Amino acid sequence: MDSDFLLALLKPDDWLKGGAERILRTYKGKLWTSIVTLAEVVMVGRAFGLDSERMVSDMLDIVEVSESDKGVALRAAVFISRHGLSTFDAFHAAFAEDGEIISSDGVYDKVGLHRISL
């Protein structure tokens, strides 16, 4: 699915909301998406002032994703809302989990990752 569907459901007002709600009623329990869609919705949703943790939680109630992707999306949302990371930095950090990350960006130090500095 495209991110437009989820954004229409998450935003208070959206010109696609009616169609998205109809599709959700028809296909509830049969919808799935990828981590890429979740990341895109979080990035765009933040531009509309939506809370990252709430967006991820709501999306996971609407669509199915793999168990590992659920964990990554939830960790990324926490990194955004509690540590101020950008959307992509948060997803990079979430994928790294407790490991290492190669980066010149000290933002990863905030979340406790071991950073291999460039």
N, C-alpha and C. Protein backbone atom coordinates (compact mmCIF):
# COMPACT_ATOMS: atom_id res chain seq x y z
N MET A 1 0.83 -1.18 0.00
CA MET A 1 0.00 0.00 0.00
C MET A 1 0.87 1.24 0.00
N ASP A 2 0.30 2.30 -0.46
CA ASP A 2 0.97 3.60 -0.49
C ASP A 2 0.74 4.31 0.83
N SER A 3 1.60 5.23 1.16
CA SER A 3 1.47 5.97 2.42
C SER A 3 0.22 6.84 2.46
N ASP A 4 -0.32 7.21 1.30
CA ASP A 4 -1.51 8.07 1.27
C ASP A 4 -2.67 7.47 2.06
N PHE A 5 -2.82 6.17 2.00
CA PHE A 5 -3.90 5.49 2.71
C PHE A 5 -3.78 5.70 4.22
N LEU A 6 -2.60 5.44 4.76
CA LEU A 6 -2.40 5.59 6.20
C LEU A 6 -2.45 7.05 6.62
N LEU A 7 -1.87 7.93 5.84
CA LEU A 7 -1.92 9.36 6.17
C LEU A 7 -3.36 9.87 6.20
N ALA A 8 -4.17 9.40 5.27
CA ALA A 8 -5.58 9.82 5.25
C ALA A 8 -6.30 9.40 6.53
N LEU A 9 -5.95 8.25 7.05
CA LEU A 9 -6.57 7.77 8.28
C LEU A 9 -6.02 8.48 9.52
N LEU A 10 -4.75 8.84 9.52
CA LEU A 10 -4.11 9.42 10.69
C LEU A 10 -4.31 10.93 10.83
N LYS A 11 -4.41 11.62 9.72
CA LYS A 11 -4.57 13.07 9.77
C LYS A 11 -6.02 13.41 10.17
N PRO A 12 -6.21 14.49 10.94
CA PRO A 12 -7.57 14.87 11.33
C PRO A 12 -8.47 15.16 10.11
N ASP A 13 -7.91 15.85 9.12
CA ASP A 13 -8.64 16.16 7.89
C ASP A 13 -7.79 15.76 6.71
N ASP A 14 -8.39 15.05 5.79
CA ASP A 14 -7.67 14.66 4.58
C ASP A 14 -8.72 14.41 3.50
N TRP A 15 -8.45 14.87 2.30
CA TRP A 15 -9.42 14.71 1.23
C TRP A 15 -9.65 13.24 0.85
N LEU A 16 -8.75 12.36 1.26
CA LEU A 16 -8.90 10.93 0.97
C LEU A 16 -9.48 10.14 2.15
N LYS A 17 -9.82 10.80 3.24
CA LYS A 17 -10.24 10.12 4.46
C LYS A 17 -11.46 9.22 4.23
N GLY A 18 -12.47 9.69 3.54
CA GLY A 18 -13.67 8.88 3.31
C GLY A 18 -13.36 7.58 2.59
N GLY A 19 -12.59 7.67 1.54
CA GLY A 19 -12.21 6.47 0.79
C GLY A 19 -11.35 5.53 1.61
N ALA A 20 -10.42 6.11 2.39
CA ALA A 20 -9.55 5.29 3.23
C ALA A 20 -10.36 4.56 4.31
N GLU A 21 -11.32 5.25 4.91
CA GLU A 21 -12.16 4.62 5.94
C GLU A 21 -13.00 3.49 5.34
N ARG A 22 -13.51 3.69 4.12
CA ARG A 22 -14.29 2.66 3.44
C ARG A 22 -13.42 1.43 3.17
N ILE A 23 -12.21 1.65 2.68
CA ILE A 23 -11.30 0.54 2.41
C ILE A 23 -10.93 -0.17 3.70
N LEU A 24 -10.69 0.58 4.76
CA LEU A 24 -10.36 -0.03 6.05
C LEU A 24 -11.50 -0.93 6.54
N ARG A 25 -12.74 -0.46 6.43
CA ARG A 25 -13.89 -1.30 6.84
C ARG A 25 -13.96 -2.58 6.01
N THR A 26 -13.69 -2.46 4.73
CA THR A 26 -13.80 -3.61 3.82
C THR A 26 -12.67 -4.61 4.02
N TYR A 27 -11.46 -4.13 4.26
CA TYR A 27 -10.29 -4.99 4.28
C TYR A 27 -9.64 -5.15 5.65
N LYS A 28 -10.29 -4.68 6.71
CA LYS A 28 -9.71 -4.77 8.07
C LYS A 28 -9.25 -6.20 8.35
N GLY A 29 -8.03 -6.32 8.87
CA GLY A 29 -7.46 -7.63 9.17
C GLY A 29 -6.73 -8.27 8.00
N LYS A 30 -6.80 -7.67 6.82
CA LYS A 30 -6.15 -8.21 5.63
C LYS A 30 -5.10 -7.26 5.06
N LEU A 31 -4.83 -6.18 5.77
CA LEU A 31 -3.92 -5.16 5.26
C LEU A 31 -2.52 -5.35 5.83
N TRP A 32 -1.50 -5.20 4.99
CA TRP A 32 -0.11 -5.31 5.44
C TRP A 32 0.71 -4.27 4.71
N THR A 33 1.84 -3.95 5.28
CA THR A 33 2.74 -3.00 4.63
C THR A 33 4.17 -3.29 5.07
N SER A 34 5.08 -2.47 4.61
CA SER A 34 6.50 -2.65 4.92
C SER A 34 7.00 -1.54 5.83
N ILE A 35 8.17 -1.73 6.33
CA ILE A 35 8.83 -0.73 7.16
C ILE A 35 9.05 0.57 6.38
N VAL A 36 9.20 0.47 5.08
CA VAL A 36 9.42 1.66 4.26
C VAL A 36 8.19 2.57 4.32
N THR A 37 7.01 1.99 4.23
CA THR A 37 5.78 2.77 4.32
C THR A 37 5.65 3.42 5.69
N LEU A 38 5.96 2.66 6.75
CA LEU A 38 5.88 3.22 8.10
C LEU A 38 6.81 4.42 8.24
N ALA A 39 8.03 4.29 7.74
CA ALA A 39 9.00 5.39 7.83
C ALA A 39 8.51 6.60 7.04
N GLU A 40 7.97 6.38 5.87
CA GLU A 40 7.48 7.50 5.06
C GLU A 40 6.32 8.21 5.76
N VAL A 41 5.40 7.45 6.33
CA VAL A 41 4.26 8.05 7.02
C VAL A 41 4.74 8.86 8.23
N VAL A 42 5.71 8.34 8.98
CA VAL A 42 6.23 9.07 10.12
C VAL A 42 6.86 10.38 9.66
N MET A 43 7.66 10.32 8.60
CA MET A 43 8.33 11.52 8.10
C MET A 43 7.30 12.57 7.65
N VAL A 44 6.35 12.17 6.85
CA VAL A 44 5.35 13.11 6.35
C VAL A 44 4.42 13.56 7.48
N GLY A 45 4.03 12.64 8.34
CA GLY A 45 3.14 12.97 9.44
C GLY A 45 3.72 14.00 10.38
N ARG A 46 5.02 13.93 10.60
CA ARG A 46 5.69 14.93 11.46
C ARG A 46 5.56 16.32 10.87
N ALA A 47 5.57 16.43 9.55
CA ALA A 47 5.40 17.73 8.90
C ALA A 47 3.99 18.29 9.15
N PHE A 48 3.04 17.42 9.44
CA PHE A 48 1.67 17.84 9.76
C PHE A 48 1.47 17.97 11.27
N GLY A 49 2.55 17.82 12.04
CA GLY A 49 2.47 17.98 13.48
C GLY A 49 1.96 16.77 14.24
N LEU A 50 1.95 15.60 13.59
CA LEU A 50 1.48 14.39 14.25
C LEU A 50 2.58 13.79 15.11
N ASP A 51 2.21 13.21 16.24
CA ASP A 51 3.15 12.61 17.18
C ASP A 51 3.65 11.27 16.64
N SER A 52 4.96 11.07 16.61
CA SER A 52 5.54 9.86 16.02
C SER A 52 5.12 8.59 16.75
N GLU A 53 5.14 8.61 18.07
CA GLU A 53 4.76 7.40 18.81
C GLU A 53 3.29 7.05 18.57
N ARG A 54 2.45 8.04 18.55
CA ARG A 54 1.02 7.80 18.31
C ARG A 54 0.79 7.28 16.89
N MET A 55 1.50 7.87 15.91
CA MET A 55 1.35 7.42 14.52
C MET A 55 1.72 5.96 14.38
N VAL A 56 2.86 5.57 14.94
CA VAL A 56 3.30 4.18 14.80
C VAL A 56 2.32 3.25 15.48
N SER A 57 1.89 3.60 16.67
CA SER A 57 0.93 2.78 17.39
C SER A 57 -0.37 2.62 16.58
N ASP A 58 -0.87 3.72 16.06
CA ASP A 58 -2.10 3.68 15.27
C ASP A 58 -1.92 2.86 13.98
N MET A 59 -0.78 3.04 13.33
CA MET A 59 -0.54 2.27 12.10
C MET A 59 -0.51 0.77 12.38
N LEU A 60 0.12 0.40 13.48
CA LEU A 60 0.21 -1.03 13.81
C LEU A 60 -1.14 -1.61 14.20
N ASP A 61 -2.09 -0.77 14.54
CA ASP A 61 -3.47 -1.22 14.77
C ASP A 61 -4.22 -1.40 13.46
N ILE A 62 -3.76 -0.73 12.41
CA ILE A 62 -4.46 -0.74 11.12
C ILE A 62 -3.91 -1.81 10.19
N VAL A 63 -2.59 -1.94 10.14
CA VAL A 63 -1.94 -2.83 9.17
C VAL A 63 -1.00 -3.80 9.86
N GLU A 64 -0.75 -4.88 9.21
CA GLU A 64 0.21 -5.88 9.69
C GLU A 64 1.57 -5.59 9.10
N VAL A 65 2.59 -5.79 9.90
CA VAL A 65 3.98 -5.77 9.46
C VAL A 65 4.68 -6.92 10.17
N SER A 66 5.88 -7.24 9.73
CA SER A 66 6.61 -8.32 10.38
C SER A 66 6.90 -7.93 11.83
N GLU A 67 7.08 -8.91 12.68
CA GLU A 67 7.37 -8.65 14.10
C GLU A 67 8.63 -7.81 14.26
N SER A 68 9.66 -8.10 13.48
CA SER A 68 10.89 -7.32 13.61
C SER A 68 10.67 -5.88 13.18
N ASP A 69 9.86 -5.67 12.14
CA ASP A 69 9.57 -4.31 11.70
C ASP A 69 8.75 -3.54 12.74
N LYS A 70 7.87 -4.22 13.46
CA LYS A 70 7.11 -3.57 14.53
C LYS A 70 8.07 -3.00 15.57
N GLY A 71 9.02 -3.81 15.98
CA GLY A 71 9.98 -3.36 16.98
C GLY A 71 10.81 -2.20 16.49
N VAL A 72 11.25 -2.25 15.25
CA VAL A 72 12.05 -1.17 14.68
C VAL A 72 11.23 0.12 14.64
N ALA A 73 10.00 0.04 14.17
CA ALA A 73 9.16 1.23 14.06
C ALA A 73 8.89 1.84 15.43
N LEU A 74 8.62 1.01 16.42
CA LEU A 74 8.36 1.53 17.77
C LEU A 74 9.61 2.17 18.37
N ARG A 75 10.79 1.53 18.18
CA ARG A 75 12.03 2.12 18.68
C ARG A 75 12.33 3.45 17.98
N ALA A 76 12.10 3.50 16.68
CA ALA A 76 12.34 4.74 15.93
C ALA A 76 11.43 5.85 16.44
N ALA A 77 10.18 5.53 16.70
CA ALA A 77 9.24 6.55 17.19
C ALA A 77 9.70 7.11 18.53
N VAL A 78 10.21 6.26 19.39
CA VAL A 78 10.73 6.72 20.69
C VAL A 78 11.95 7.61 20.49
N PHE A 79 12.85 7.22 19.58
CA PHE A 79 14.04 8.03 19.32
C PHE A 79 13.65 9.42 18.80
N ILE A 80 12.59 9.49 18.03
CA ILE A 80 12.14 10.78 17.50
C ILE A 80 11.54 11.63 18.62
N SER A 81 10.58 11.06 19.33
CA SER A 81 9.84 11.88 20.30
C SER A 81 10.62 12.16 21.58
N ARG A 82 11.47 11.25 22.00
CA ARG A 82 12.16 11.44 23.27
C ARG A 82 13.59 11.95 23.13
N HIS A 83 14.19 11.76 21.95
CA HIS A 83 15.58 12.18 21.76
C HIS A 83 15.77 13.19 20.62
N GLY A 84 14.69 13.50 19.90
CA GLY A 84 14.75 14.51 18.86
C GLY A 84 15.45 14.11 17.58
N LEU A 85 15.59 12.82 17.32
CA LEU A 85 16.25 12.39 16.09
C LEU A 85 15.34 12.66 14.89
N SER A 86 15.95 12.87 13.75
CA SER A 86 15.18 12.99 12.51
C SER A 86 14.60 11.62 12.19
N THR A 87 13.66 11.59 11.29
CA THR A 87 13.00 10.32 10.95
C THR A 87 14.00 9.28 10.48
N PHE A 88 14.85 9.64 9.53
CA PHE A 88 15.77 8.63 9.00
C PHE A 88 16.85 8.25 10.01
N ASP A 89 17.37 9.22 10.77
CA ASP A 89 18.34 8.88 11.81
C ASP A 89 17.71 7.93 12.82
N ALA A 90 16.45 8.17 13.16
CA ALA A 90 15.76 7.31 14.13
C ALA A 90 15.61 5.89 13.60
N PHE A 91 15.28 5.74 12.34
CA PHE A 91 15.14 4.39 11.78
C PHE A 91 16.50 3.71 11.64
N HIS A 92 17.54 4.47 11.28
CA HIS A 92 18.89 3.88 11.25
C HIS A 92 19.27 3.37 12.63
N ALA A 93 19.04 4.19 13.65
CA ALA A 93 19.37 3.80 15.03
C ALA A 93 18.54 2.60 15.47
N ALA A 94 17.29 2.59 15.10
CA ALA A 94 16.41 1.48 15.50
C ALA A 94 16.84 0.17 14.85
N PHE A 95 17.28 0.23 13.62
CA PHE A 95 17.78 -0.98 12.97
C PHE A 95 19.08 -1.45 13.60
N ALA A 96 19.90 -0.52 14.05
CA ALA A 96 21.17 -0.88 14.66
C ALA A 96 20.99 -1.55 16.02
N GLU A 97 19.82 -1.31 16.64
CA GLU A 97 19.49 -1.85 17.97
C GLU A 97 20.60 -1.53 18.96
N ASP A 98 21.20 -2.54 19.55
CA ASP A 98 22.24 -2.32 20.55
C ASP A 98 23.64 -2.45 19.95
N GLY A 99 23.72 -2.38 18.62
CA GLY A 99 24.99 -2.59 17.96
C GLY A 99 25.77 -1.33 17.71
N GLU A 100 26.45 -1.32 16.61
CA GLU A 100 27.30 -0.20 16.24
C GLU A 100 26.74 0.46 14.99
N ILE A 101 27.12 1.70 14.84
CA ILE A 101 26.73 2.42 13.63
C ILE A 101 27.91 3.26 13.18
N ILE A 102 28.17 3.28 11.89
CA ILE A 102 29.24 4.10 11.33
C ILE A 102 28.62 5.42 10.90
N SER A 103 29.09 6.50 11.50
CA SER A 103 28.52 7.81 11.19
C SER A 103 29.40 8.92 11.72
N SER A 104 29.31 10.07 11.06
CA SER A 104 29.97 11.27 11.57
C SER A 104 29.01 12.05 12.47
N ASP A 105 27.76 11.61 12.54
CA ASP A 105 26.71 12.32 13.26
C ASP A 105 26.64 11.88 14.72
N GLY A 106 26.91 12.80 15.62
CA GLY A 106 26.89 12.50 17.04
C GLY A 106 25.51 12.26 17.62
N VAL A 107 24.47 12.42 16.82
CA VAL A 107 23.11 12.21 17.31
C VAL A 107 22.92 10.78 17.83
N TYR A 108 23.66 9.84 17.28
CA TYR A 108 23.52 8.44 17.71
C TYR A 108 24.07 8.21 19.12
N ASP A 109 24.96 9.10 19.56
CA ASP A 109 25.47 9.00 20.91
C ASP A 109 24.36 9.21 21.93
N LYS A 110 23.35 10.04 21.58
CA LYS A 110 22.23 10.33 22.46
C LYS A 110 21.44 9.08 22.84
N VAL A 111 21.39 8.11 21.94
CA VAL A 111 20.55 6.94 22.16
C VAL A 111 21.35 5.72 22.60
N GLY A 112 22.62 5.94 22.88
CA GLY A 112 23.43 4.86 23.44
C GLY A 112 24.05 3.89 22.46
N LEU A 113 24.05 4.22 21.19
CA LEU A 113 24.71 3.34 20.23
C LEU A 113 26.21 3.58 20.27
N HIS A 114 26.95 2.54 20.01
CA HIS A 114 28.39 2.71 19.86
C HIS A 114 28.62 3.21 18.44
N ARG A 115 29.14 4.42 18.32
CA ARG A 115 29.33 5.02 17.01
C ARG A 115 30.78 4.90 16.60
N ILE A 116 30.97 4.36 15.42
CA ILE A 116 32.29 4.33 14.80
C ILE A 116 32.37 5.62 13.96
N SER A 117 33.15 6.57 14.48
CA SER A 117 33.18 7.90 13.89
C SER A 117 33.97 7.94 12.59
N LEU A 118 33.45 8.64 11.64
CA LEU A 118 34.15 8.84 10.37
C LEU A 118 35.22 9.89 10.53
